[in-house]
């Protein structure tokens, strides 16, 4: 039995990078929603709150797309 260590290392590297990236994007979405709530309490301008909310939803949509793509790769 031969193990292709280079391929295994490549898979490990890509997995770590994508995992860290997705966690970071999801965290940005949570922070965006938290800032929106604090901005709403401080009576911030409507444009800033809308932009923050849109950015947070975009982060969550990116995470959902990555999960859907992963499921597609497993099924296909």
PDB file of N, CA and C in Angstrom:
ATOM      1  N   UNK A   1       0.846  -1.169   0.000  1.00  0.00           N
ATOM      2  CA  UNK A   1       0.000   0.000   0.000  1.00  0.00           C
ATOM      3  C   UNK A   1       0.900   1.244   0.000  1.00  0.00           C
ATOM      4  N   UNK A   2       0.637   2.136  -0.932  1.00  0.00           N
ATOM      5  CA  UNK A   2       1.387   3.382  -1.051  1.00  0.00           C
ATOM      6  C   UNK A   2       0.482   4.559  -0.724  1.00  0.00           C
ATOM      7  N   UNK A   3       0.994   5.476   0.044  1.00  0.00           N
ATOM      8  CA  UNK A   3       0.254   6.694   0.368  1.00  0.00           C
ATOM      9  C   UNK A   3       0.896   7.851  -0.379  1.00  0.00           C
ATOM     10  N   UNK A   4       0.078   8.571  -1.123  1.00  0.00           N
ATOM     11  CA  UNK A   4       0.562   9.749  -1.841  1.00  0.00           C
ATOM     12  C   UNK A   4       0.535  10.933  -0.867  1.00  0.00           C
ATOM     13  N   UNK A   5       1.672  11.166  -0.209  1.00  0.00           N
ATOM     14  CA  UNK A   5       1.743  12.177   0.839  1.00  0.00           C
ATOM     15  C   UNK A   5       1.538  13.585   0.309  1.00  0.00           C
ATOM     16  N   UNK A   6       1.960  13.822  -0.923  1.00  0.00           N
ATOM     17  CA  UNK A   6       1.774  15.156  -1.491  1.00  0.00           C
ATOM     18  C   UNK A   6       0.290  15.452  -1.699  1.00  0.00           C
ATOM     19  N   UNK A   7      -0.455  14.487  -2.215  1.00  0.00           N
ATOM     20  CA  UNK A   7      -1.896  14.668  -2.405  1.00  0.00           C
ATOM     21  C   UNK A   7      -2.602  14.820  -1.059  1.00  0.00           C
ATOM     22  N   UNK A   8      -2.176  14.046  -0.082  1.00  0.00           N
ATOM     23  CA  UNK A   8      -2.768  14.149   1.246  1.00  0.00           C
ATOM     24  C   UNK A   8      -2.499  15.525   1.863  1.00  0.00           C
ATOM     25  N   UNK A   9      -1.294  16.027   1.684  1.00  0.00           N
ATOM     26  CA  UNK A   9      -0.956  17.356   2.180  1.00  0.00           C
ATOM     27  C   UNK A   9      -1.734  18.444   1.467  1.00  0.00           C
ATOM     28  N   UNK A  10      -1.951  18.279   0.166  1.00  0.00           N
ATOM     29  CA  UNK A  10      -2.735  19.244  -0.601  1.00  0.00           C
ATOM     30  C   UNK A  10      -4.181  19.290  -0.100  1.00  0.00           C
ATOM     31  N   UNK A  11      -4.755  18.125   0.120  1.00  0.00           N
ATOM     32  CA  UNK A  11      -6.130  18.054   0.628  1.00  0.00           C
ATOM     33  C   UNK A  11      -6.208  18.684   2.013  1.00  0.00           C
ATOM     34  N   UNK A  12      -5.234  18.423   2.847  1.00  0.00           N
ATOM     35  CA  UNK A  12      -5.206  19.007   4.183  1.00  0.00           C
ATOM     36  C   UNK A  12      -5.113  20.534   4.110  1.00  0.00           C
ATOM     37  N   UNK A  13      -4.238  21.043   3.266  1.00  0.00           N
ATOM     38  CA  UNK A  13      -4.074  22.491   3.134  1.00  0.00           C
ATOM     39  C   UNK A  13      -5.323  23.179   2.623  1.00  0.00           C
ATOM     40  N   UNK A  14      -5.933  22.611   1.598  1.00  0.00           N
ATOM     41  CA  UNK A  14      -7.151  23.205   1.043  1.00  0.00           C
ATOM     42  C   UNK A  14      -8.287  23.146   2.065  1.00  0.00           C
ATOM     43  N   UNK A  15      -8.388  22.038   2.766  1.00  0.00           N
ATOM     44  CA  UNK A  15      -9.434  21.889   3.772  1.00  0.00           C
ATOM     45  C   UNK A  15      -9.275  22.925   4.884  1.00  0.00           C
ATOM     46  N   UNK A  16      -8.053  23.107   5.362  1.00  0.00           N
ATOM     47  CA  UNK A  16      -7.819  24.102   6.411  1.00  0.00           C
ATOM     48  C   UNK A  16      -8.122  25.516   5.926  1.00  0.00           C
ATOM     49  N   UNK A  17      -7.690  25.834   4.719  1.00  0.00           N
ATOM     50  CA  UNK A  17      -7.910  27.181   4.186  1.00  0.00           C
ATOM     51  C   UNK A  17      -9.401  27.478   4.011  1.00  0.00           C
ATOM     52  N   UNK A  18     -10.136  26.529   3.453  1.00  0.00           N
ATOM     53  CA  UNK A  18     -11.569  26.745   3.227  1.00  0.00           C
ATOM     54  C   UNK A  18     -12.315  26.810   4.557  1.00  0.00           C
ATOM     55  N   UNK A  19     -11.942  25.963   5.495  1.00  0.00           N
ATOM     56  CA  UNK A  19     -12.600  25.978   6.800  1.00  0.00           C
ATOM     57  C   UNK A  19     -12.368  27.305   7.524  1.00  0.00           C
ATOM     58  N   UNK A  20     -11.138  27.751   7.545  1.00  0.00           N
ATOM     59  CA  UNK A  20     -10.830  29.023   8.197  1.00  0.00           C
ATOM     60  C   UNK A  20     -11.531  30.174   7.476  1.00  0.00           C
ATOM     61  N   UNK A  21     -11.565  30.122   6.155  1.00  0.00           N
ATOM     62  CA  UNK A  21     -12.248  31.162   5.386  1.00  0.00           C
ATOM     63  C   UNK A  21     -13.740  31.205   5.666  1.00  0.00           C
ATOM     64  N   UNK A  22     -14.393  30.029   5.690  1.00  0.00           N
ATOM     65  CA  UNK A  22     -15.832  30.000   5.944  1.00  0.00           C
ATOM     66  C   UNK A  22     -16.172  30.447   7.368  1.00  0.00           C
ATOM     67  N   UNK A  23     -15.375  30.037   8.324  1.00  0.00           N
ATOM     68  CA  UNK A  23     -15.607  30.483   9.695  1.00  0.00           C
ATOM     69  C   UNK A  23     -15.434  32.001   9.780  1.00  0.00           C
ATOM     70  N   UNK A  24     -14.437  32.529   9.091  1.00  0.00           N
ATOM     71  CA  UNK A  24     -14.231  33.972   9.076  1.00  0.00           C
ATOM     72  C   UNK A  24     -15.387  34.720   8.448  1.00  0.00           C
ATOM     73  N   UNK A  25     -15.892  34.221   7.335  1.00  0.00           N
ATOM     74  CA  UNK A  25     -17.018  34.878   6.659  1.00  0.00           C
ATOM     75  C   UNK A  25     -18.276  34.806   7.524  1.00  0.00           C
ATOM     76  N   UNK A  26     -18.511  33.654   8.151  1.00  0.00           N
ATOM     77  CA  UNK A  26     -19.677  33.527   9.025  1.00  0.00           C
ATOM     78  C   UNK A  26     -19.556  34.470  10.217  1.00  0.00           C
ATOM     79  N   UNK A  27     -18.340  34.595  10.753  1.00  0.00           N
ATOM     80  CA  UNK A  27     -18.108  35.508  11.865  1.00  0.00           C
ATOM     81  C   UNK A  27     -18.367  36.956  11.450  1.00  0.00           C
ATOM     82  N   UNK A  28     -17.946  37.321  10.247  1.00  0.00           N
ATOM     83  CA  UNK A  28     -18.238  38.672   9.751  1.00  0.00           C
ATOM     84  C   UNK A  28     -19.737  38.918   9.659  1.00  0.00           C
ATOM     85  N   UNK A  29     -20.486  37.894   9.252  1.00  0.00           N
ATOM     86  CA  UNK A  29     -21.936  38.033   9.198  1.00  0.00           C
ATOM     87  C   UNK A  29     -22.542  38.253  10.567  1.00  0.00           C
ATOM     88  N   UNK A  30     -22.065  37.500  11.553  1.00  0.00           N
ATOM     89  CA  UNK A  30     -22.577  37.664  12.917  1.00  0.00           C
ATOM     90  C   UNK A  30     -22.213  39.040  13.459  1.00  0.00           C
ATOM     91  N   UNK A  31     -20.980  39.462  13.234  1.00  0.00           N
ATOM     92  CA  UNK A  31     -20.547  40.786  13.706  1.00  0.00           C
ATOM     93  C   UNK A  31     -21.355  41.880  13.016  1.00  0.00           C
ATOM     94  N   UNK A  32     -21.634  41.691  11.730  1.00  0.00           N
ATOM     95  CA  UNK A  32     -22.442  42.674  11.010  1.00  0.00           C
ATOM     96  C   UNK A  32     -23.842  42.803  11.581  1.00  0.00           C
ATOM     97  N   UNK A  33     -24.461  41.681  11.932  1.00  0.00           N
ATOM     98  CA  UNK A  33     -25.790  41.748  12.539  1.00  0.00           C
ATOM     99  C   UNK A  33     -25.728  42.349  13.938  1.00  0.00           C
ATOM    100  N   UNK A  34     -24.673  42.057  14.682  1.00  0.00           N
ATOM    101  CA  UNK A  34     -24.541  42.624  16.026  1.00  0.00           C
ATOM    102  C   UNK A  34     -24.326  44.131  15.946  1.00  0.00           C
ATOM    103  N   UNK A  35     -23.516  44.594  14.994  1.00  0.00           N
ATOM    104  CA  UNK A  35     -23.306  46.032  14.842  1.00  0.00           C
ATOM    105  C   UNK A  35     -24.585  46.721  14.390  1.00  0.00           C
ATOM    106  N   UNK A  36     -25.356  46.037  13.579  1.00  0.00           N
ATOM    107  CA  UNK A  36     -26.625  46.618  13.127  1.00  0.00           C
ATOM    108  C   UNK A  36     -27.548  46.825  14.311  1.00  0.00           C
ATOM    109  N   UNK A  37     -27.611  45.846  15.208  1.00  0.00           N
ATOM    110  CA  UNK A  37     -28.490  45.978  16.363  1.00  0.00           C
ATOM    111  C   UNK A  37     -28.020  47.102  17.283  1.00  0.00           C
ATOM    112  N   UNK A  38     -26.708  47.219  17.465  1.00  0.00           N
ATOM    113  CA  UNK A  38     -26.212  48.299  18.313  1.00  0.00           C
ATOM    114  C   UNK A  38     -26.388  49.652  17.622  1.00  0.00           C
ATOM    115  N   UNK A  39     -26.282  49.668  16.312  1.00  0.00           N
ATOM    116  CA  UNK A  39     -26.482  50.917  15.576  1.00  0.00           C
ATOM    117  C   UNK A  39     -27.952  51.328  15.618  1.00  0.00           C
ATOM    118  N   UNK A  40     -28.857  50.349  15.571  1.00  0.00           N
ATOM    119  CA  UNK A  40     -30.284  50.672  15.669  1.00  0.00           C
ATOM    120  C   UNK A  40     -30.603  51.268  17.038  1.00  0.00           C
ATOM    121  N   UNK A  41     -29.950  50.776  18.073  1.00  0.00           N
ATOM    122  CA  UNK A  41     -30.180  51.302  19.413  1.00  0.00           C
ATOM    123  C   UNK A  41     -29.622  52.699  19.575  1.00  0.00           C
ATOM    124  N   UNK A  42     -28.574  53.039  18.821  1.00  0.00           N
ATOM    125  CA  UNK A  42     -27.958  54.359  18.921  1.00  0.00           C
ATOM    126  C   UNK A  42     -28.544  55.344  17.914  1.00  0.00           C
ATOM    127  N   UNK A  43     -29.601  54.958  17.223  1.00  0.00           N
ATOM    128  CA  UNK A  43     -30.278  55.810  16.241  1.00  0.00           C
ATOM    129  C   UNK A  43     -29.320  56.255  15.148  1.00  0.00           C
ATOM    130  N   UNK A  44     -28.635  55.272  14.530  1.00  0.00           N
ATOM    131  CA  UNK A  44     -27.711  55.571  13.436  1.00  0.00           C
ATOM    132  C   UNK A  44     -28.498  55.846  12.160  1.00  0.00           C
ATOM    133  N   UNK A  45     -27.790  56.307  11.162  1.00  0.00           N
ATOM    134  CA  UNK A  45     -28.444  56.621   9.892  1.00  0.00           C
ATOM    135  C   UNK A  45     -28.954  55.348   9.233  1.00  0.00           C
ATOM    136  N   UNK A  46     -30.012  55.480   8.457  1.00  0.00           N
ATOM    137  CA  UNK A  46     -30.632  54.323   7.818  1.00  0.00           C
ATOM    138  C   UNK A  46     -29.746  53.675   6.783  1.00  0.00           C
ATOM    139  N   UNK A  47     -28.920  54.445   6.084  1.00  0.00           N
ATOM    140  CA  UNK A  47     -28.054  53.887   5.058  1.00  0.00           C
ATOM    141  C   UNK A  47     -26.992  52.977   5.628  1.00  0.00           C
ATOM    142  N   UNK A  48     -26.413  53.355   6.750  1.00  0.00           N
ATOM    143  CA  UNK A  48     -25.382  52.529   7.375  1.00  0.00           C
ATOM    144  C   UNK A  48     -25.968  51.225   7.882  1.00  0.00           C
ATOM    145  N   UNK A  49     -27.129  51.275   8.484  1.00  0.00           N
ATOM    146  CA  UNK A  49     -27.769  50.062   9.004  1.00  0.00           C
ATOM    147  C   UNK A  49     -28.146  49.132   7.862  1.00  0.00           C
ATOM    148  N   UNK A  50     -28.646  49.684   6.770  1.00  0.00           N
ATOM    149  CA  UNK A  50     -29.034  48.852   5.628  1.00  0.00           C
ATOM    150  C   UNK A  50     -27.811  48.215   4.978  1.00  0.00           C
ATOM    151  N   UNK A  51     -26.733  48.971   4.892  1.00  0.00           N
ATOM    152  CA  UNK A  51     -25.507  48.432   4.302  1.00  0.00           C
ATOM    153  C   UNK A  51     -24.928  47.326   5.167  1.00  0.00           C
ATOM    154  N   UNK A  52     -24.944  47.505   6.464  1.00  0.00           N
ATOM    155  CA  UNK A  52     -24.441  46.488   7.382  1.00  0.00           C
ATOM    156  C   UNK A  52     -25.274  45.219   7.308  1.00  0.00           C
ATOM    157  N   UNK A  53     -26.581  45.381   7.272  1.00  0.00           N
ATOM    158  CA  UNK A  53     -27.481  44.226   7.184  1.00  0.00           C
ATOM    159  C   UNK A  53     -27.276  43.489   5.859  1.00  0.00           C
ATOM    160  N   UNK A  54     -27.129  44.225   4.772  1.00  0.00           N
ATOM    161  CA  UNK A  54     -26.917  43.610   3.466  1.00  0.00           C
ATOM    162  C   UNK A  54     -25.596  42.845   3.428  1.00  0.00           C
ATOM    163  N   UNK A  55     -24.556  43.432   4.013  1.00  0.00           N
ATOM    164  CA  UNK A  55     -23.265  42.744   4.063  1.00  0.00           C
ATOM    165  C   UNK A  55     -23.334  41.463   4.885  1.00  0.00           C
ATOM    166  N   UNK A  56     -24.053  41.513   6.003  1.00  0.00           N
ATOM    167  CA  UNK A  56     -24.195  40.321   6.846  1.00  0.00           C
ATOM    168  C   UNK A  56     -24.955  39.223   6.105  1.00  0.00           C
ATOM    169  N   UNK A  57     -26.020  39.601   5.417  1.00  0.00           N
ATOM    170  CA  UNK A  57     -26.780  38.607   4.661  1.00  0.00           C
ATOM    171  C   UNK A  57     -25.960  38.042   3.504  1.00  0.00           C
ATOM    172  N   UNK A  58     -25.110  38.855   2.905  1.00  0.00           N
ATOM    173  CA  UNK A  58     -24.236  38.374   1.836  1.00  0.00           C
ATOM    174  C   UNK A  58     -23.231  37.354   2.385  1.00  0.00           C
ATOM    175  N   UNK A  59     -22.728  37.605   3.582  1.00  0.00           N
ATOM    176  CA  UNK A  59     -21.811  36.644   4.211  1.00  0.00           C
ATOM    177  C   UNK A  59     -22.514  35.315   4.458  1.00  0.00           C
ATOM    178  N   UNK A  60     -23.733  35.358   4.965  1.00  0.00           N
ATOM    179  CA  UNK A  60     -24.482  34.126   5.215  1.00  0.00           C
ATOM    180  C   UNK A  60     -24.820  33.414   3.909  1.00  0.00           C
ATOM    181  N   UNK A  61     -25.118  34.178   2.860  1.00  0.00           N
ATOM    182  CA  UNK A  61     -25.403  33.567   1.556  1.00  0.00           C
ATOM    183  C   UNK A  61     -24.164  32.882   0.992  1.00  0.00           C
ATOM    184  N   UNK A  62     -22.998  33.484   1.192  1.00  0.00           N
ATOM    185  CA  UNK A  62     -21.754  32.869   0.741  1.00  0.00           C
ATOM    186  C   UNK A  62     -21.499  31.563   1.485  1.00  0.00           C
ATOM    187  N   UNK A  63     -21.764  31.544   2.769  1.00  0.00           N
ATOM    188  CA  UNK A  63     -21.603  30.310   3.547  1.00  0.00           C
ATOM    189  C   UNK A  63     -22.577  29.236   3.057  1.00  0.00           C
ATOM    190  N   UNK A  64     -23.812  29.612   2.813  1.00  0.00           N
ATOM    191  CA  UNK A  64     -24.802  28.654   2.324  1.00  0.00           C
ATOM    192  C   UNK A  64     -24.416  28.120   0.949  1.00  0.00           C
ATOM    193  N   UNK A  65     -23.875  28.981   0.101  1.00  0.00           N
ATOM    194  CA  UNK A  65     -23.439  28.535  -1.231  1.00  0.00           C
ATOM    195  C   UNK A  65     -22.270  27.559  -1.117  1.00  0.00           C
ATOM    196  N   UNK A  66     -21.357  27.808  -0.202  1.00  0.00           N
ATOM    197  CA  UNK A  66     -20.218  26.894  -0.018  1.00  0.00           C
ATOM    198  C   UNK A  66     -20.690  25.538   0.496  1.00  0.00           C
ATOM    199  N   UNK A  67     -21.644  25.534   1.404  1.00  0.00           N
ATOM    200  CA  UNK A  67     -22.192  24.271   1.913  1.00  0.00           C
ATOM    201  C   UNK A  67     -22.920  23.529   0.797  1.00  0.00           C
ATOM    202  N   UNK A  68     -23.714  24.238   0.014  1.00  0.00           N
ATOM    203  CA  UNK A  68     -24.431  23.609  -1.104  1.00  0.00           C
ATOM    204  C   UNK A  68     -23.450  23.041  -2.121  1.00  0.00           C
ATOM    205  N   UNK A  69     -22.367  23.750  -2.393  1.00  0.00           N
ATOM    206  CA  UNK A  69     -21.363  23.251  -3.328  1.00  0.00           C
ATOM    207  C   UNK A  69     -20.693  21.998  -2.772  1.00  0.00           C
ATOM    208  N   UNK A  70     -20.417  21.972  -1.482  1.00  0.00           N
ATOM    209  CA  UNK A  70     -19.834  20.787  -0.866  1.00  0.00           C
ATOM    210  C   UNK A  70     -20.756  19.589  -0.965  1.00  0.00           C
ATOM    211  N   UNK A  71     -22.043  19.803  -0.725  1.00  0.00           N
ATOM    212  CA  UNK A  71     -23.005  18.708  -0.853  1.00  0.00           C
ATOM    213  C   UNK A  71     -23.075  18.258  -2.301  1.00  0.00           C
ATOM    214  N   UNK A  72     -23.039  19.200  -3.233  1.00  0.00           N
ATOM    215  CA  UNK A  72     -23.042  18.851  -4.660  1.00  0.00           C
ATOM    216  C   UNK A  72     -21.840  17.976  -5.007  1.00  0.00           C
ATOM    217  N   UNK A  73     -20.676  18.325  -4.482  1.00  0.00           N
ATOM    218  CA  UNK A  73     -19.465  17.544  -4.771  1.00  0.00           C
ATOM    219  C   UNK A  73     -19.573  16.126  -4.202  1.00  0.00           C
ATOM    220  N   UNK A  74     -20.199  15.985  -3.046  1.00  0.00           N
ATOM    221  CA  UNK A  74     -20.344  14.663  -2.445  1.00  0.00           C
ATOM    222  C   UNK A  74     -21.335  13.817  -3.224  1.00  0.00           C
ATOM    223  N   UNK A  75     -22.445  14.408  -3.642  1.00  0.00           N
ATOM    224  CA  UNK A  75     -23.497  13.661  -4.310  1.00  0.00           C
ATOM    225  C   UNK A  75     -23.138  13.349  -5.755  1.00  0.00           C
ATOM    226  N   UNK A  76     -22.559  14.307  -6.449  1.00  0.00           N
ATOM    227  CA  UNK A  76     -22.282  14.141  -7.885  1.00  0.00           C
ATOM    228  C   UNK A  76     -21.124  13.224  -8.158  1.00  0.00           C
TER     229      UNK A  76
END
